[in-house]
Amino acid sequence: NAFNNTIDNIKIKTESSLKPYNGITFSGVTVKENVIKHADIWSRGASSQSLLFQNSATENKIIDTDLSSILNSKVLKVSQGTGKNYLLNLTYDNERVTFQNANSYNIYRQWYLNVTVVDELTHEYIANANVSANDSDGIFTFSELTDITGKIVTQNITEYIQNQLITKFLTNYTFN
């Protein structure tokens, strides 16, 4: 079972003209809560993809990674099952994503958010200011107090949730 593993700073290249090879595959209900970060995953060939989520692998996170493909390859494929996986600060071509038999299998596209609060008149940092955010549906996302430099802890915010049927954008956020 692949559960709660972390892979950091890896480069993967797959290439085949005859068979579909995947850069990384997450497959099965016991494949969950894994993290891949600082990766460069490249695929080339018919029916290949850089990243494959299938058979209900869930709660996995891909962070600060570049997914790329050439020829007929997809960068990301989601297939067969239900669940949710997170893509934080990834570089990839949105047009090269495919879903197959995965109506309830969600991908959360996320980005880092850094906030600094500064007084409008004096331009000085404001400590202990409460920064809170709600997504476009009004759903509470976070609330943090600023430190002495006017900053909050970096937040991960979701741009959209995507599955085979829809892409639901949660932007624009409201900040108070």
C-alpha atoms as a PDB file:
ATOM      1  CA  ASN A   1       0.000   0.000   0.000  1.00  0.00           C
ATOM      2  CA  ALA A   2       1.276   3.452  -0.877  1.00  0.00           C
ATOM      3  CA  PHE A   3       0.175   5.551   2.077  1.00  0.00           C
ATOM      4  CA  ASN A   4       1.638   8.759   3.493  1.00  0.00           C
ATOM      5  CA  ASN A   5       4.902   8.837   1.510  1.00  0.00           C
ATOM      6  CA  THR A   6       6.854  11.920   0.427  1.00  0.00           C
ATOM      7  CA  ILE A   7       9.037  12.160  -2.664  1.00  0.00           C
ATOM      8  CA  ASP A   8      11.073  15.342  -3.039  1.00  0.00           C
ATOM      9  CA  ASN A   9      13.246  16.714  -5.848  1.00  0.00           C
ATOM     10  CA  ILE A  10      12.801  14.094  -8.554  1.00  0.00           C
ATOM     11  CA  LYS A  11      13.026  14.131 -12.341  1.00  0.00           C
ATOM     12  CA  ILE A  12      11.123  11.518 -14.371  1.00  0.00           C
ATOM     13  CA  LYS A  13      11.197  11.060 -18.136  1.00  0.00           C
ATOM     14  CA  THR A  14       9.076   8.431 -19.927  1.00  0.00           C
ATOM     15  CA  GLU A  15       9.173   7.771 -23.640  1.00  0.00           C
ATOM     16  CA  SER A  16       7.645   5.128 -25.894  1.00  0.00           C
ATOM     17  CA  SER A  17       6.182   5.046 -29.363  1.00  0.00           C
ATOM     18  CA  LEU A  18       4.441   1.701 -28.877  1.00  0.00           C
ATOM     19  CA  LYS A  19       3.114   1.418 -25.309  1.00  0.00           C
ATOM     20  CA  PRO A  20       1.562   3.913 -22.919  1.00  0.00           C
ATOM     21  CA  TYR A  21       3.979   4.759 -20.124  1.00  0.00           C
ATOM     22  CA  ASN A  22       3.164   7.107 -17.287  1.00  0.00           C
ATOM     23  CA  GLY A  23       5.549   9.337 -15.392  1.00  0.00           C
ATOM     24  CA  ILE A  24       3.821   8.658 -12.060  1.00  0.00           C
ATOM     25  CA  THR A  25       0.683   6.592 -11.445  1.00  0.00           C
ATOM     26  CA  PHE A  26      -1.479   6.738  -8.331  1.00  0.00           C
ATOM     27  CA  SER A  27      -3.805   3.734  -8.469  1.00  0.00           C
ATOM     28  CA  GLY A  28      -6.103   2.112  -5.899  1.00  0.00           C
ATOM     29  CA  VAL A  29      -8.115   3.000  -2.808  1.00  0.00           C
ATOM     30  CA  THR A  30      -5.138   2.374  -0.505  1.00  0.00           C
ATOM     31  CA  VAL A  31      -3.001   4.892  -2.419  1.00  0.00           C
ATOM     32  CA  LYS A  32      -3.618   8.043  -0.434  1.00  0.00           C
ATOM     33  CA  GLU A  33      -2.064  10.967   1.386  1.00  0.00           C
ATOM     34  CA  ASN A  34       1.174  10.858  -0.616  1.00  0.00           C
ATOM     35  CA  VAL A  35       3.163  13.978  -1.513  1.00  0.00           C
ATOM     36  CA  ILE A  36       5.380  14.622  -4.507  1.00  0.00           C
ATOM     37  CA  LYS A  37       7.146  17.965  -4.511  1.00  0.00           C
ATOM     38  CA  HIS A  38       9.780  19.798  -6.533  1.00  0.00           C
ATOM     39  CA  ALA A  39       9.443  17.376  -9.440  1.00  0.00           C
ATOM     40  CA  ASP A  40       9.909  17.569 -13.184  1.00  0.00           C
ATOM     41  CA  ILE A  41       7.793  14.893 -14.899  1.00  0.00           C
ATOM     42  CA  TRP A  42       7.935  14.525 -18.686  1.00  0.00           C
ATOM     43  CA  SER A  43       6.181  12.058 -20.994  1.00  0.00           C
ATOM     44  CA  ARG A  44       6.245  11.398 -24.713  1.00  0.00           C
ATOM     45  CA  GLY A  45       4.334   8.825 -26.694  1.00  0.00           C
ATOM     46  CA  ALA A  46       0.909   7.573 -27.661  1.00  0.00           C
ATOM     47  CA  SER A  47      -1.552   7.317 -24.757  1.00  0.00           C
ATOM     48  CA  SER A  48       1.069   8.346 -22.193  1.00  0.00           C
ATOM     49  CA  GLN A  49       0.700  10.944 -19.482  1.00  0.00           C
ATOM     50  CA  SER A  50       2.996  12.592 -16.974  1.00  0.00           C
ATOM     51  CA  LEU A  51       0.604  11.992 -14.074  1.00  0.00           C
ATOM     52  CA  LEU A  52      -2.220   9.442 -13.724  1.00  0.00           C
ATOM     53  CA  PHE A  53      -4.768   9.227 -10.908  1.00  0.00           C
ATOM     54  CA  GLN A  54      -6.996   6.137 -11.142  1.00  0.00           C
ATOM     55  CA  ASN A  55      -9.073   3.598  -9.215  1.00  0.00           C
ATOM     56  CA  SER A  56      -9.955   6.002  -6.401  1.00  0.00           C
ATOM     57  CA  ALA A  57      -6.464   7.021  -5.279  1.00  0.00           C
ATOM     58  CA  THR A  58      -7.241  10.042  -3.098  1.00  0.00           C
ATOM     59  CA  GLU A  59      -5.893  12.855  -0.907  1.00  0.00           C
ATOM     60  CA  ASN A  60      -2.560  12.903  -2.757  1.00  0.00           C
ATOM     61  CA  LYS A  61      -0.708  16.196  -3.251  1.00  0.00           C
ATOM     62  CA  ILE A  62       1.563  17.241  -6.084  1.00  0.00           C
ATOM     63  CA  ILE A  63       3.451  20.427  -5.136  1.00  0.00           C
ATOM     64  CA  ASP A  64       5.794  22.812  -6.978  1.00  0.00           C
ATOM     65  CA  THR A  65       6.040  20.519  -9.983  1.00  0.00           C
ATOM     66  CA  ASP A  66       6.293  20.826 -13.755  1.00  0.00           C
ATOM     67  CA  LEU A  67       4.264  18.373 -15.886  1.00  0.00           C
ATOM     68  CA  SER A  68       5.004  18.298 -19.599  1.00  0.00           C
ATOM     69  CA  SER A  69       4.325  16.079 -22.585  1.00  0.00           C
ATOM     70  CA  ILE A  70       4.781  16.013 -26.317  1.00  0.00           C
ATOM     71  CA  LEU A  71       3.228  14.211 -29.268  1.00  0.00           C
ATOM     72  CA  ASN A  72      -0.166  12.714 -28.360  1.00  0.00           C
ATOM     73  CA  SER A  73       0.502  12.579 -24.634  1.00  0.00           C
ATOM     74  CA  LYS A  74      -1.677  14.061 -21.920  1.00  0.00           C
ATOM     75  CA  VAL A  75      -0.025  15.724 -18.957  1.00  0.00           C
ATOM     76  CA  LEU A  76      -2.715  14.532 -16.569  1.00  0.00           C
ATOM     77  CA  LYS A  77      -5.303  11.766 -16.728  1.00  0.00           C
ATOM     78  CA  VAL A  78      -7.935  10.963 -14.119  1.00  0.00           C
ATOM     79  CA  SER A  79      -9.651   7.625 -14.560  1.00  0.00           C
ATOM     80  CA  GLN A  80     -12.144   5.299 -12.869  1.00  0.00           C
ATOM     81  CA  GLY A  81     -13.236   6.057  -9.355  1.00  0.00           C
ATOM     82  CA  THR A  82     -14.017   8.732  -6.836  1.00  0.00           C
ATOM     83  CA  GLY A  83     -11.831  10.910  -4.662  1.00  0.00           C
ATOM     84  CA  LYS A  84      -9.896  14.141  -4.638  1.00  0.00           C
ATOM     85  CA  ASN A  85      -6.273  15.046  -5.300  1.00  0.00           C
ATOM     86  CA  TYR A  86      -4.486  18.365  -4.990  1.00  0.00           C
ATOM     87  CA  LEU A  87      -2.232  20.150  -7.485  1.00  0.00           C
ATOM     88  CA  LEU A  88      -0.465  23.022  -5.709  1.00  0.00           C
ATOM     89  CA  ASN A  89       1.614  25.478  -7.737  1.00  0.00           C
ATOM     90  CA  LEU A  90       1.938  23.182 -10.767  1.00  0.00           C
ATOM     91  CA  THR A  91       2.951  24.134 -14.263  1.00  0.00           C
ATOM     92  CA  TYR A  92       1.068  22.265 -16.988  1.00  0.00           C
ATOM     93  CA  ASP A  93      -1.077  22.786 -20.060  1.00  0.00           C
ATOM     94  CA  ASN A  94      -4.754  22.807 -18.981  1.00  0.00           C
ATOM     95  CA  GLU A  95      -5.758  21.638 -22.451  1.00  0.00           C
ATOM     96  CA  ARG A  96      -3.847  18.377 -21.985  1.00  0.00           C
ATOM     97  CA  VAL A  97      -5.946  17.047 -19.084  1.00  0.00           C
ATOM     98  CA  THR A  98      -8.403  14.204 -19.585  1.00  0.00           C
ATOM     99  CA  PHE A  99     -11.011  12.464 -17.439  1.00  0.00           C
ATOM    100  CA  GLN A 100     -12.352   8.972 -18.136  1.00  0.00           C
ATOM    101  CA  ASN A 101     -15.156   7.318 -16.124  1.00  0.00           C
ATOM    102  CA  ALA A 102     -14.451   9.772 -13.328  1.00  0.00           C
ATOM    103  CA  ASN A 103     -17.569  11.888 -12.732  1.00  0.00           C
ATOM    104  CA  SER A 104     -16.892  12.150  -8.979  1.00  0.00           C
ATOM    105  CA  TYR A 105     -13.092  12.203  -9.103  1.00  0.00           C
ATOM    106  CA  ASN A 106     -12.004  15.777  -8.328  1.00  0.00           C
ATOM    107  CA  ILE A 107      -8.777  17.624  -8.984  1.00  0.00           C
ATOM    108  CA  TYR A 108      -8.176  20.737  -6.850  1.00  0.00           C
ATOM    109  CA  ARG A 109      -5.973  23.281  -8.671  1.00  0.00           C
ATOM    110  CA  GLN A 110      -4.336  25.408  -5.982  1.00  0.00           C
ATOM    111  CA  TRP A 111      -1.891  28.286  -5.631  1.00  0.00           C
ATOM    112  CA  TYR A 112       0.105  29.954  -2.858  1.00  0.00           C
ATOM    113  CA  LEU A 113      -1.193  33.198  -1.420  1.00  0.00           C
ATOM    114  CA  ASN A 114       1.066  35.606   0.470  1.00  0.00           C
ATOM    115  CA  VAL A 115      -0.482  38.619   2.176  1.00  0.00           C
ATOM    116  CA  THR A 116       1.185  41.676   3.706  1.00  0.00           C
ATOM    117  CA  VAL A 117      -0.912  44.323   5.465  1.00  0.00           C
ATOM    118  CA  VAL A 118       0.419  47.897   5.291  1.00  0.00           C
ATOM    119  CA  ASP A 119      -1.066  51.130   6.611  1.00  0.00           C
ATOM    120  CA  GLU A 120      -2.379  53.097   3.630  1.00  0.00           C
ATOM    121  CA  LEU A 121      -1.142  56.467   4.927  1.00  0.00           C
ATOM    122  CA  THR A 122       2.125  55.673   6.735  1.00  0.00           C
ATOM    123  CA  HIS A 123       3.105  52.614   4.662  1.00  0.00           C
ATOM    124  CA  GLU A 124       4.098  50.844   7.893  1.00  0.00           C
ATOM    125  CA  TYR A 125       3.408  47.156   8.490  1.00  0.00           C
ATOM    126  CA  ILE A 126       0.381  46.386  10.623  1.00  0.00           C
ATOM    127  CA  ALA A 127       0.828  43.670  13.254  1.00  0.00           C
ATOM    128  CA  ASN A 128      -2.081  41.601  14.625  1.00  0.00           C
ATOM    129  CA  ALA A 129      -4.422  42.514  11.780  1.00  0.00           C
ATOM    130  CA  ASN A 130      -6.980  39.816  11.073  1.00  0.00           C
ATOM    131  CA  VAL A 131      -6.947  38.684   7.435  1.00  0.00           C
ATOM    132  CA  SER A 132      -9.816  36.440   6.401  1.00  0.00           C
ATOM    133  CA  ALA A 133     -11.002  35.100   3.063  1.00  0.00           C
ATOM    134  CA  ASN A 134     -14.119  33.622   1.511  1.00  0.00           C
ATOM    135  CA  ASP A 135     -14.291  31.974  -1.909  1.00  0.00           C
ATOM    136  CA  SER A 136     -16.682  33.089  -4.671  1.00  0.00           C
ATOM    137  CA  ASP A 137     -19.503  31.041  -3.087  1.00  0.00           C
ATOM    138  CA  GLY A 138     -19.004  32.861   0.229  1.00  0.00           C
ATOM    139  CA  ILE A 139     -17.458  29.778   1.848  1.00  0.00           C
ATOM    140  CA  PHE A 140     -14.996  30.646   4.635  1.00  0.00           C
ATOM    141  CA  THR A 141     -11.437  29.742   3.598  1.00  0.00           C
ATOM    142  CA  PHE A 142      -9.096  31.040   6.308  1.00  0.00           C
ATOM    143  CA  SER A 143      -8.498  33.617   9.030  1.00  0.00           C
ATOM    144  CA  GLU A 144      -4.993  34.571  10.179  1.00  0.00           C
ATOM    145  CA  LEU A 145      -3.379  37.329  12.250  1.00  0.00           C
ATOM    146  CA  THR A 146      -0.425  39.220  10.803  1.00  0.00           C
ATOM    147  CA  ASP A 147       2.984  39.105  12.463  1.00  0.00           C
ATOM    148  CA  ILE A 148       5.175  42.165  13.222  1.00  0.00           C
ATOM    149  CA  THR A 149       6.121  42.404   9.532  1.00  0.00           C
ATOM    150  CA  GLY A 150       2.440  42.583   8.520  1.00  0.00           C
ATOM    151  CA  LYS A 151       2.533  39.094   6.957  1.00  0.00           C
ATOM    152  CA  ILE A 152       0.364  36.040   7.461  1.00  0.00           C
ATOM    153  CA  VAL A 153       1.428  32.418   7.076  1.00  0.00           C
ATOM    154  CA  THR A 154       1.360  31.447   3.387  1.00  0.00           C
ATOM    155  CA  GLN A 155      -2.048  30.048   2.465  1.00  0.00           C
ATOM    156  CA  ASN A 156      -3.016  27.507  -0.198  1.00  0.00           C
ATOM    157  CA  ILE A 157      -6.113  28.657  -2.049  1.00  0.00           C
ATOM    158  CA  THR A 158      -8.105  26.753  -4.635  1.00  0.00           C
ATOM    159  CA  GLU A 159      -8.550  28.303  -8.079  1.00  0.00           C
ATOM    160  CA  TYR A 160     -10.911  25.584  -9.286  1.00  0.00           C
ATOM    161  CA  ILE A 161     -12.195  22.052  -8.738  1.00  0.00           C
ATOM    162  CA  GLN A 162     -12.372  19.938 -11.881  1.00  0.00           C
ATOM    163  CA  ASN A 163     -13.898  16.571 -12.727  1.00  0.00           C
ATOM    164  CA  GLN A 164     -15.190  14.897 -15.861  1.00  0.00           C
ATOM    165  CA  LEU A 165     -18.406  16.939 -15.861  1.00  0.00           C
ATOM    166  CA  ILE A 166     -17.452  20.430 -14.685  1.00  0.00           C
ATOM    167  CA  THR A 167     -14.742  22.898 -13.811  1.00  0.00           C
ATOM    168  CA  LYS A 168     -15.955  24.977 -10.850  1.00  0.00           C
ATOM    169  CA  PHE A 169     -13.998  28.168 -10.247  1.00  0.00           C
ATOM    170  CA  LEU A 170     -13.781  29.415  -6.663  1.00  0.00           C
ATOM    171  CA  THR A 171     -12.229  32.737  -7.644  1.00  0.00           C
ATOM    172  CA  ASN A 172     -12.584  35.704  -7.026  1.00  0.00           C
ATOM    173  CA  TYR A 173     -11.954  35.537  -3.292  1.00  0.00           C
ATOM    174  CA  THR A 174     -13.191  38.186  -0.880  1.00  0.00           C
ATOM    175  CA  PHE A 175     -10.629  39.373   1.679  1.00  0.00           C
ATOM    176  CA  ASN A 176     -11.379  41.258   4.902  1.00  0.00           C
END
